[in-house]
Amino acid sequence: MKHEVRIEQEAVIIEISGDVDLEFSGDLRTLLMGSLPKGRVIIIDLSCVDLIDSSGIASLLKAFQEACKKGKEFMGLS
């Protein structure tokens, strides 16, 4: 898994590429949780992800739940 993070106005845009599997899902969760305080809107671009398994989906879901608790917008692109 590779990633790029950029901030545009109130949005944190996280571009993910490669495989998001058990090996990298913890890294993804850490990345997403660390990005929540940085913007009002969190945008996850998954258009370059080749494979995502259930552990990767679980990391996305956890970050989505935390964003909702904090009143943040959480969007995915594919």
C-alpha atoms as a PDB file:
ATOM      1  CA  MET A   1       0.000   0.000   0.000  1.00  0.00           C
ATOM      2  CA  LYS A   2       1.129   3.501  -0.834  1.00  0.00           C
ATOM      3  CA  HIS A   3      -0.548   6.736   0.115  1.00  0.00           C
ATOM      4  CA  GLU A   4      -0.436  10.462  -0.420  1.00  0.00           C
ATOM      5  CA  VAL A   5      -2.097  12.998   1.867  1.00  0.00           C
ATOM      6  CA  ARG A   6      -2.859  16.579   0.975  1.00  0.00           C
ATOM      7  CA  ILE A   7      -4.957  19.280   2.564  1.00  0.00           C
ATOM      8  CA  GLU A   8      -7.118  21.598   0.474  1.00  0.00           C
ATOM      9  CA  GLN A   9      -9.102  24.214   2.384  1.00  0.00           C
ATOM     10  CA  GLU A  10     -11.055  22.237   5.018  1.00  0.00           C
ATOM     11  CA  ALA A  11     -10.581  18.848   3.351  1.00  0.00           C
ATOM     12  CA  VAL A  12      -7.986  16.175   3.941  1.00  0.00           C
ATOM     13  CA  ILE A  13      -7.593  14.124   0.770  1.00  0.00           C
ATOM     14  CA  ILE A  14      -5.969  10.710   1.167  1.00  0.00           C
ATOM     15  CA  GLU A  15      -5.058   8.844  -1.999  1.00  0.00           C
ATOM     16  CA  ILE A  16      -4.464   5.132  -1.481  1.00  0.00           C
ATOM     17  CA  SER A  17      -2.910   2.791  -4.058  1.00  0.00           C
ATOM     18  CA  GLY A  18      -1.866  -0.838  -4.245  1.00  0.00           C
ATOM     19  CA  ASP A  19      -3.196  -3.600  -1.991  1.00  0.00           C
ATOM     20  CA  VAL A  20      -4.937  -2.939   1.307  1.00  0.00           C
ATOM     21  CA  ASP A  21      -4.858  -6.295   3.039  1.00  0.00           C
ATOM     22  CA  LEU A  22      -4.068  -7.663   6.484  1.00  0.00           C
ATOM     23  CA  GLU A  23      -0.435  -6.600   6.106  1.00  0.00           C
ATOM     24  CA  PHE A  24      -1.341  -2.922   5.593  1.00  0.00           C
ATOM     25  CA  SER A  25      -4.775  -2.482   7.208  1.00  0.00           C
ATOM     26  CA  GLY A  26      -3.229  -1.372  10.517  1.00  0.00           C
ATOM     27  CA  ASP A  27      -1.201   1.259   8.672  1.00  0.00           C
ATOM     28  CA  LEU A  28      -4.363   2.450   6.926  1.00  0.00           C
ATOM     29  CA  ARG A  29      -6.253   2.683  10.214  1.00  0.00           C
ATOM     30  CA  THR A  30      -3.427   4.703  11.800  1.00  0.00           C
ATOM     31  CA  LEU A  31      -3.281   6.998   8.775  1.00  0.00           C
ATOM     32  CA  LEU A  32      -7.033   7.604   8.743  1.00  0.00           C
ATOM     33  CA  MET A  33      -7.365   8.143  12.489  1.00  0.00           C
ATOM     34  CA  GLY A  34      -4.420  10.555  12.444  1.00  0.00           C
ATOM     35  CA  SER A  35      -6.050  12.529   9.632  1.00  0.00           C
ATOM     36  CA  LEU A  36      -9.376  13.106  11.388  1.00  0.00           C
ATOM     37  CA  PRO A  37      -8.237  16.131  13.440  1.00  0.00           C
ATOM     38  CA  LYS A  38      -6.716  17.823  10.384  1.00  0.00           C
ATOM     39  CA  GLY A  39      -9.886  18.698   8.488  1.00  0.00           C
ATOM     40  CA  ARG A  40     -13.653  18.994   8.570  1.00  0.00           C
ATOM     41  CA  VAL A  41     -13.982  16.755   5.519  1.00  0.00           C
ATOM     42  CA  ILE A  42     -12.035  13.538   4.989  1.00  0.00           C
ATOM     43  CA  ILE A  43     -11.916  12.249   1.407  1.00  0.00           C
ATOM     44  CA  ILE A  44     -10.516   8.794   0.719  1.00  0.00           C
ATOM     45  CA  ASP A  45      -9.564   8.163  -2.916  1.00  0.00           C
ATOM     46  CA  LEU A  46      -9.504   4.411  -3.538  1.00  0.00           C
ATOM     47  CA  SER A  47      -9.420   4.628  -7.338  1.00  0.00           C
ATOM     48  CA  CYS A  48      -5.900   3.163  -7.509  1.00  0.00           C
ATOM     49  CA  VAL A  49      -6.478   0.339  -5.009  1.00  0.00           C
ATOM     50  CA  ASP A  50      -5.955  -3.033  -6.664  1.00  0.00           C
ATOM     51  CA  LEU A  51      -7.289  -5.151  -3.812  1.00  0.00           C
ATOM     52  CA  ILE A  52      -8.945  -4.500  -0.462  1.00  0.00           C
ATOM     53  CA  ASP A  53      -9.799  -7.303   1.936  1.00  0.00           C
ATOM     54  CA  SER A  54     -12.097  -7.399   4.955  1.00  0.00           C
ATOM     55  CA  SER A  55      -9.413  -6.004   7.274  1.00  0.00           C
ATOM     56  CA  GLY A  56      -9.022  -2.979   4.980  1.00  0.00           C
ATOM     57  CA  ILE A  57     -12.789  -2.501   4.924  1.00  0.00           C
ATOM     58  CA  ALA A  58     -12.821  -2.738   8.731  1.00  0.00           C
ATOM     59  CA  SER A  59     -10.227   0.053   8.931  1.00  0.00           C
ATOM     60  CA  LEU A  60     -12.332   2.262   6.658  1.00  0.00           C
ATOM     61  CA  LEU A  61     -15.448   1.515   8.698  1.00  0.00           C
ATOM     62  CA  LYS A  62     -13.724   2.340  12.002  1.00  0.00           C
ATOM     63  CA  ALA A  63     -12.489   5.668  10.614  1.00  0.00           C
ATOM     64  CA  PHE A  64     -15.978   6.419   9.246  1.00  0.00           C
ATOM     65  CA  GLN A  65     -17.533   5.740  12.659  1.00  0.00           C
ATOM     66  CA  GLU A  66     -15.018   7.969  14.425  1.00  0.00           C
ATOM     67  CA  ALA A  67     -15.542  10.735  11.855  1.00  0.00           C
ATOM     68  CA  CYS A  68     -19.300  10.588  12.448  1.00  0.00           C
ATOM     69  CA  LYS A  69     -18.814  10.804  16.225  1.00  0.00           C
ATOM     70  CA  LYS A  70     -16.688  13.920  15.750  1.00  0.00           C
ATOM     71  CA  GLY A  71     -19.122  15.569  13.318  1.00  0.00           C
ATOM     72  CA  LYS A  72     -16.784  15.202  10.320  1.00  0.00           C
ATOM     73  CA  GLU A  73     -17.747  14.377   6.758  1.00  0.00           C
ATOM     74  CA  PHE A  74     -16.172  11.163   5.464  1.00  0.00           C
ATOM     75  CA  MET A  75     -16.321  10.407   1.753  1.00  0.00           C
ATOM     76  CA  GLY A  76     -14.881   7.727  -0.455  1.00  0.00           C
ATOM     77  CA  LEU A  77     -14.001   7.891  -4.136  1.00  0.00           C
ATOM     78  CA  SER A  78     -13.458   4.846  -6.300  1.00  0.00           C
END
